[in-house]
Amino acid sequence: MRNLGYTYVYIFMICTLVNNLAYGQIDCSSTPKPANDLCQEAIPISGSVNGNTCCAGIESIDLCGSMENGIWYSFTPANNGSLIEISNLSIDGPIGIEFYSGSCTNLSLIEKSDCSGFETRSFSLPNCYAEVLIHITSFEDGCGEFEIQMSDINECTFAETCETIVPELEFNPISDGMQECISSCLQYACDSDCTFNG
């Protein structure tokens, strides 16, 4: 019977540990911080990656206002743009997602979430930046795992600069009276140095 009592104790300890991990209650004093909890240590990604906000620092960058954990990733947009889908696997409570251009000492916000909890969120970013930094934040008590999935966007045909205009993108102001139509979009277009004459 004594051995059975020890068995019950071990089962209780294991169940308690699993329960604490499930709700993000991890002892960070004995758990190393994520390698990418600082902006300067952002991990370059492409395709998909799984991450965890637990035990990460928040630095001084917190657009949601009360977050306690944050980690960083970086990527280079390709083609017309990038579709980024972020799935919440085990984070409990608010989640902050921010996209920045520039360097860690001079960040420029591109887009951010509304800081609410979610199951899946999608973001579309144009190919206008040499590098994009992703910052994902959470509460310490609600920290957990997430997944980032990235894919290229090839929906638009347009000239990004004057030098890349091709004949099918030119309008002839003098025609035979027939309409000239082309299809494209502005959602993923970047600023260019084109100028107008006249």
Foldseek 3Di string as FASTA:
>chain_A
DVVVVVVVVVVVVVVVVVVQVLQLNDDLVPPDEDQFLDQVRAAEDAFKDKDWFASRANPPDDPQPDFGTKGKHKYQADAFWKKKKKADDRFPWWKKKWKWADGPVDTDTDDIDPRTDDGMDMDIAGNPGRMMMIMMTHHNSRITMMMMGMDHDHPFDDDLEPVRDDVLNDDDPDDPPDDRDDDGDDPRHDDYPDDDDD
